[in-house]
């Protein structure tokens, strides 16, 4: 997605350079391009090409570094055992009942203390 946004930025700069080249606002009375117009057109067109190269090199570098996701048939994400296979329903219920979410024996935090 970011690469597409980068390409759109390159396209914008390139079109802006062409617009500057074709605009009569950047021309003298005898039809020649002003020096400011030349500089702006060159900077925008060369900037778009440079930006395109940088966006593509960044995209290719990050796509190489991404790990491949194993499929379920080839490997697993973790060597930890599956909970459903090793615990009986009584053991799972005992673990769930051991945690009291409404416990009031937790000491309150002193929020007014100065550090």
N, C-alpha and C. Protein backbone atom coordinates (compact mmCIF):
# COMPACT_ATOMS: atom_id res chain seq x y z
N UNK A 1 0.83 -1.19 0.00
CA UNK A 1 0.00 0.00 0.00
C UNK A 1 0.87 1.26 0.00
N UNK A 2 1.89 1.25 0.83
CA UNK A 2 2.78 2.42 0.87
C UNK A 2 3.54 2.59 -0.44
N UNK A 3 3.84 1.49 -1.09
CA UNK A 3 4.54 1.58 -2.36
C UNK A 3 3.65 2.24 -3.41
N UNK A 4 2.38 1.93 -3.38
CA UNK A 4 1.45 2.55 -4.33
C UNK A 4 1.35 4.05 -4.08
N UNK A 5 1.31 4.44 -2.81
CA UNK A 5 1.27 5.87 -2.47
C UNK A 5 2.55 6.55 -2.94
N UNK A 6 3.68 5.87 -2.80
CA UNK A 6 4.95 6.41 -3.29
C UNK A 6 4.95 6.58 -4.79
N UNK A 7 4.39 5.60 -5.50
CA UNK A 7 4.29 5.71 -6.97
C UNK A 7 3.40 6.88 -7.37
N UNK A 8 2.32 7.08 -6.64
CA UNK A 8 1.45 8.23 -6.94
C UNK A 8 2.17 9.55 -6.71
N UNK A 9 3.02 9.59 -5.69
CA UNK A 9 3.83 10.79 -5.47
C UNK A 9 4.79 11.04 -6.62
N UNK A 10 5.39 9.97 -7.15
CA UNK A 10 6.29 10.09 -8.31
C UNK A 10 5.52 10.59 -9.53
N UNK A 11 4.35 10.04 -9.75
CA UNK A 11 3.53 10.47 -10.87
C UNK A 11 3.15 11.94 -10.73
N UNK A 12 2.81 12.36 -9.52
CA UNK A 12 2.45 13.76 -9.28
C UNK A 12 3.62 14.68 -9.62
N UNK A 13 4.82 14.34 -9.14
CA UNK A 13 5.99 15.18 -9.42
C UNK A 13 6.28 15.24 -10.91
N UNK A 14 6.15 14.11 -11.59
CA UNK A 14 6.43 14.07 -13.02
C UNK A 14 5.42 14.92 -13.79
N UNK A 15 4.14 14.78 -13.46
CA UNK A 15 3.10 15.57 -14.13
C UNK A 15 3.27 17.05 -13.81
N UNK A 16 3.67 17.36 -12.59
CA UNK A 16 3.89 18.76 -12.22
C UNK A 16 5.04 19.35 -13.03
N UNK A 17 6.09 18.57 -13.27
CA UNK A 17 7.19 19.04 -14.12
C UNK A 17 6.74 19.29 -15.54
N UNK A 18 5.90 18.40 -16.07
CA UNK A 18 5.36 18.62 -17.43
C UNK A 18 4.44 19.83 -17.46
N UNK A 19 3.70 20.04 -16.39
CA UNK A 19 2.83 21.21 -16.32
C UNK A 19 3.64 22.50 -16.31
N UNK A 20 4.73 22.51 -15.59
CA UNK A 20 5.59 23.70 -15.55
C UNK A 20 6.18 23.96 -16.93
N UNK A 21 6.60 22.90 -17.63
CA UNK A 21 7.16 23.06 -18.97
C UNK A 21 6.15 23.62 -19.96
N UNK A 22 4.89 23.23 -19.81
CA UNK A 22 3.88 23.66 -20.78
C UNK A 22 3.14 24.93 -20.40
N UNK A 23 3.34 25.41 -19.18
CA UNK A 23 2.60 26.57 -18.70
C UNK A 23 3.15 27.86 -19.30
N UNK A 24 2.24 28.74 -19.66
CA UNK A 24 2.66 30.05 -20.17
C UNK A 24 3.08 30.99 -19.04
N UNK A 25 2.74 30.64 -17.82
CA UNK A 25 3.13 31.48 -16.67
C UNK A 25 4.63 31.42 -16.42
N UNK A 26 5.28 30.38 -16.91
CA UNK A 26 6.72 30.22 -16.70
C UNK A 26 7.52 30.53 -17.97
N UNK A 27 6.93 31.31 -18.86
CA UNK A 27 7.60 31.66 -20.11
C UNK A 27 7.75 33.17 -20.22
N UNK A 28 8.76 33.55 -20.95
CA UNK A 28 8.98 34.98 -21.21
C UNK A 28 8.05 35.44 -22.33
N UNK A 29 8.12 36.70 -22.66
CA UNK A 29 7.26 37.25 -23.71
C UNK A 29 7.54 36.64 -25.08
N UNK A 30 8.79 36.26 -25.33
CA UNK A 30 9.11 35.65 -26.62
C UNK A 30 8.95 34.13 -26.61
N UNK A 31 8.36 33.53 -25.54
CA UNK A 31 8.02 32.12 -25.53
C UNK A 31 9.06 31.19 -24.94
N UNK A 32 10.18 31.75 -24.48
CA UNK A 32 11.22 30.89 -23.89
C UNK A 32 10.91 30.64 -22.41
N UNK A 33 11.33 29.49 -21.95
CA UNK A 33 11.12 29.11 -20.56
C UNK A 33 12.04 29.93 -19.66
N UNK A 34 11.51 30.44 -18.55
CA UNK A 34 12.33 31.23 -17.62
C UNK A 34 13.29 30.30 -16.88
N UNK A 35 14.32 30.90 -16.28
CA UNK A 35 15.30 30.08 -15.56
C UNK A 35 14.66 29.41 -14.33
N UNK A 36 13.74 30.11 -13.67
CA UNK A 36 13.04 29.50 -12.55
C UNK A 36 12.16 28.33 -13.01
N UNK A 37 11.54 28.49 -14.15
CA UNK A 37 10.72 27.42 -14.71
C UNK A 37 11.55 26.22 -15.10
N UNK A 38 12.73 26.48 -15.71
CA UNK A 38 13.63 25.37 -16.06
C UNK A 38 14.08 24.62 -14.81
N UNK A 39 14.48 25.36 -13.79
CA UNK A 39 14.96 24.73 -12.55
C UNK A 39 13.85 23.92 -11.89
N UNK A 40 12.65 24.48 -11.83
CA UNK A 40 11.54 23.76 -11.21
C UNK A 40 11.18 22.51 -11.98
N UNK A 41 11.16 22.58 -13.30
CA UNK A 41 10.83 21.42 -14.12
C UNK A 41 11.89 20.33 -13.98
N UNK A 42 13.15 20.73 -14.00
CA UNK A 42 14.23 19.74 -13.87
C UNK A 42 14.20 19.09 -12.50
N UNK A 43 14.01 19.91 -11.45
CA UNK A 43 13.97 19.36 -10.10
C UNK A 43 12.80 18.40 -9.93
N UNK A 44 11.63 18.76 -10.45
CA UNK A 44 10.47 17.89 -10.26
C UNK A 44 10.58 16.60 -11.06
N UNK A 45 11.07 16.66 -12.28
CA UNK A 45 11.18 15.44 -13.10
C UNK A 45 12.29 14.55 -12.57
N UNK A 46 13.45 15.11 -12.26
CA UNK A 46 14.53 14.29 -11.71
C UNK A 46 14.18 13.79 -10.31
N UNK A 47 13.47 14.62 -9.54
CA UNK A 47 13.03 14.19 -8.22
C UNK A 47 12.06 13.03 -8.29
N UNK A 48 11.18 13.04 -9.27
CA UNK A 48 10.24 11.93 -9.42
C UNK A 48 10.96 10.63 -9.77
N UNK A 49 11.96 10.72 -10.62
CA UNK A 49 12.72 9.52 -11.00
C UNK A 49 13.52 9.01 -9.79
N UNK A 50 14.18 9.91 -9.08
CA UNK A 50 14.95 9.52 -7.89
C UNK A 50 14.03 8.92 -6.83
N UNK A 51 12.89 9.56 -6.61
CA UNK A 51 11.95 9.07 -5.62
C UNK A 51 11.42 7.69 -6.01
N UNK A 52 11.19 7.45 -7.30
CA UNK A 52 10.74 6.15 -7.77
C UNK A 52 11.79 5.08 -7.48
N UNK A 53 13.05 5.39 -7.74
CA UNK A 53 14.13 4.44 -7.47
C UNK A 53 14.21 4.14 -5.97
N UNK A 54 14.11 5.19 -5.14
CA UNK A 54 14.20 4.98 -3.70
C UNK A 54 13.02 4.18 -3.15
N UNK A 55 11.82 4.45 -3.64
CA UNK A 55 10.64 3.71 -3.19
C UNK A 55 10.76 2.25 -3.58
N UNK A 56 11.18 1.98 -4.81
CA UNK A 56 11.31 0.59 -5.25
C UNK A 56 12.43 -0.15 -4.52
N UNK A 57 13.54 0.52 -4.23
CA UNK A 57 14.62 -0.15 -3.51
C UNK A 57 14.21 -0.44 -2.07
N UNK A 58 13.45 0.47 -1.46
CA UNK A 58 12.97 0.23 -0.10
C UNK A 58 11.97 -0.93 -0.08
N UNK A 59 11.10 -0.98 -1.08
CA UNK A 59 10.11 -2.05 -1.14
C UNK A 59 10.78 -3.40 -1.36
N UNK A 60 11.79 -3.44 -2.22
CA UNK A 60 12.46 -4.72 -2.45
C UNK A 60 13.28 -5.15 -1.24
N UNK A 61 13.84 -4.19 -0.51
CA UNK A 61 14.60 -4.55 0.69
C UNK A 61 13.69 -5.07 1.79
N UNK A 62 12.52 -4.49 1.94
CA UNK A 62 11.63 -4.94 3.00
C UNK A 62 10.94 -6.24 2.64
N UNK A 63 10.71 -6.51 1.37
CA UNK A 63 10.06 -7.77 1.01
C UNK A 63 11.01 -8.94 1.17
N UNK A 64 12.31 -8.71 1.08
CA UNK A 64 13.27 -9.79 1.29
C UNK A 64 13.34 -10.13 2.78
N UNK A 65 13.19 -9.13 3.62
CA UNK A 65 13.35 -9.34 5.06
C UNK A 65 12.12 -9.96 5.70
N UNK A 66 10.99 -9.99 5.02
CA UNK A 66 9.78 -10.54 5.62
C UNK A 66 9.88 -12.06 5.72
N UNK A 67 9.55 -12.61 6.89
CA UNK A 67 9.60 -14.07 7.01
C UNK A 67 8.42 -14.70 6.30
N UNK A 68 8.63 -15.90 5.86
CA UNK A 68 7.53 -16.62 5.24
C UNK A 68 6.70 -17.28 6.32
N UNK A 69 5.43 -17.31 6.12
CA UNK A 69 4.51 -17.90 7.09
C UNK A 69 4.37 -19.38 6.77
N UNK A 70 4.66 -20.24 7.74
CA UNK A 70 4.54 -21.67 7.45
C UNK A 70 3.08 -22.07 7.33
N UNK A 71 2.84 -23.03 6.47
CA UNK A 71 1.48 -23.54 6.33
C UNK A 71 1.21 -24.54 7.45
N UNK A 72 -0.03 -24.86 7.66
CA UNK A 72 -0.38 -25.77 8.75
C UNK A 72 0.15 -27.18 8.51
N UNK A 73 0.35 -27.55 7.26
CA UNK A 73 0.84 -28.89 6.97
C UNK A 73 2.36 -28.98 7.08
N UNK A 74 3.08 -27.85 6.93
CA UNK A 74 4.53 -27.93 6.90
C UNK A 74 5.18 -27.73 8.26
N UNK A 75 4.66 -26.82 9.07
CA UNK A 75 5.29 -26.54 10.35
C UNK A 75 4.29 -25.84 11.26
N UNK A 76 4.67 -25.75 12.51
CA UNK A 76 3.81 -25.03 13.44
C UNK A 76 4.55 -23.79 13.92
N UNK A 77 3.83 -22.84 14.49
CA UNK A 77 4.44 -21.61 14.96
C UNK A 77 5.20 -21.82 16.26
N UNK A 78 4.78 -22.73 17.06
CA UNK A 78 5.37 -22.90 18.37
C UNK A 78 5.53 -24.38 18.66
N UNK A 79 6.49 -24.69 19.50
CA UNK A 79 6.65 -26.08 19.91
C UNK A 79 5.83 -26.38 21.16
N UNK A 80 5.06 -25.39 21.65
CA UNK A 80 4.22 -25.61 22.82
C UNK A 80 3.09 -26.57 22.46
N UNK A 81 2.74 -27.43 23.40
CA UNK A 81 1.67 -28.39 23.11
C UNK A 81 0.32 -27.69 23.02
N UNK A 82 -0.57 -28.28 22.31
CA UNK A 82 -1.91 -27.74 22.18
C UNK A 82 -2.66 -28.00 23.47
N UNK A 83 -3.35 -27.02 24.01
CA UNK A 83 -4.01 -27.13 25.30
C UNK A 83 -5.10 -28.19 25.27
N UNK A 84 -5.84 -28.25 24.21
CA UNK A 84 -6.95 -29.20 24.13
C UNK A 84 -6.49 -30.65 24.15
N UNK A 85 -5.29 -30.91 23.72
CA UNK A 85 -4.81 -32.28 23.66
C UNK A 85 -4.32 -32.79 25.00
N UNK A 86 -3.81 -31.91 25.88
CA UNK A 86 -3.14 -32.35 27.09
C UNK A 86 -3.97 -32.19 28.35
N UNK A 87 -4.95 -31.31 28.37
CA UNK A 87 -5.74 -31.09 29.57
C UNK A 87 -7.12 -31.67 29.42
N UNK A 88 -7.59 -32.25 30.49
CA UNK A 88 -8.97 -32.72 30.50
C UNK A 88 -9.87 -31.54 30.81
N UNK A 89 -11.14 -31.69 30.63
CA UNK A 89 -12.07 -30.59 30.90
C UNK A 89 -12.08 -30.23 32.38
N UNK A 90 -11.89 -31.20 33.28
CA UNK A 90 -11.84 -30.90 34.71
C UNK A 90 -10.61 -30.05 35.05
N UNK A 91 -9.49 -30.35 34.41
CA UNK A 91 -8.28 -29.57 34.67
C UNK A 91 -8.43 -28.15 34.13
N UNK A 92 -9.06 -28.00 32.98
CA UNK A 92 -9.27 -26.65 32.45
C UNK A 92 -10.22 -25.86 33.34
N UNK A 93 -11.27 -26.49 33.84
CA UNK A 93 -12.20 -25.81 34.74
C UNK A 93 -11.53 -25.42 36.04
N UNK A 94 -10.64 -26.28 36.56
CA UNK A 94 -9.94 -25.98 37.79
C UNK A 94 -9.02 -24.79 37.59
N UNK A 95 -8.37 -24.70 36.43
CA UNK A 95 -7.50 -23.56 36.15
C UNK A 95 -8.31 -22.28 36.03
N UNK A 96 -9.48 -22.34 35.41
CA UNK A 96 -10.31 -21.15 35.24
C UNK A 96 -10.90 -20.69 36.57
N UNK A 97 -11.24 -21.63 37.44
CA UNK A 97 -11.81 -21.27 38.73
C UNK A 97 -10.76 -20.76 39.71
N UNK A 98 -9.50 -21.06 39.47
CA UNK A 98 -8.44 -20.61 40.38
C UNK A 98 -8.21 -19.11 40.26
N UNK A 99 -8.63 -18.50 39.18
CA UNK A 99 -8.44 -17.07 38.98
C UNK A 99 -9.71 -16.35 39.40
N UNK A 100 -9.60 -15.48 40.42
CA UNK A 100 -10.75 -14.71 40.89
C UNK A 100 -10.62 -13.30 40.35
N UNK A 101 -11.45 -12.98 39.36
CA UNK A 101 -11.35 -11.66 38.73
C UNK A 101 -11.94 -10.55 39.60
N UNK A 102 -12.70 -10.91 40.63
CA UNK A 102 -13.30 -9.91 41.51
C UNK A 102 -12.56 -9.81 42.83
N UNK A 103 -11.31 -10.19 42.86
CA UNK A 103 -10.53 -10.17 44.10
C UNK A 103 -10.36 -8.75 44.60
N UNK A 104 -10.55 -8.60 45.93
CA UNK A 104 -10.41 -7.27 46.55
C UNK A 104 -9.21 -7.19 47.46
N UNK A 105 -8.40 -8.24 47.50
CA UNK A 105 -7.26 -8.24 48.40
C UNK A 105 -6.01 -7.63 47.76
N UNK A 106 -6.16 -6.97 46.66
CA UNK A 106 -5.04 -6.32 45.99
C UNK A 106 -4.85 -4.94 46.61
N UNK A 107 -3.64 -4.60 46.95
CA UNK A 107 -3.37 -3.32 47.60
C UNK A 107 -3.58 -2.19 46.59
N UNK A 108 -4.28 -1.12 47.01
CA UNK A 108 -4.49 0.02 46.09
C UNK A 108 -3.19 0.74 45.81
N UNK A 109 -3.12 1.34 44.66
CA UNK A 109 -1.94 2.09 44.27
C UNK A 109 -2.06 3.53 44.77
N UNK A 110 -0.99 4.05 45.32
CA UNK A 110 -0.99 5.43 45.81
C UNK A 110 -0.70 6.34 44.63
N UNK A 111 -1.73 6.94 44.08
CA UNK A 111 -1.58 7.78 42.90
C UNK A 111 -1.14 9.20 43.23
N UNK A 112 -1.20 9.57 44.52
CA UNK A 112 -0.84 10.93 44.88
C UNK A 112 0.62 11.05 45.29
N UNK A 113 1.35 9.97 45.25
CA UNK A 113 2.76 10.02 45.65
C UNK A 113 3.56 10.81 44.64
N UNK A 114 4.48 11.60 45.17
CA UNK A 114 5.35 12.39 44.29
C UNK A 114 6.66 11.62 44.09
N UNK A 115 7.13 11.64 42.86
CA UNK A 115 8.35 10.90 42.54
C UNK A 115 9.54 11.80 42.52
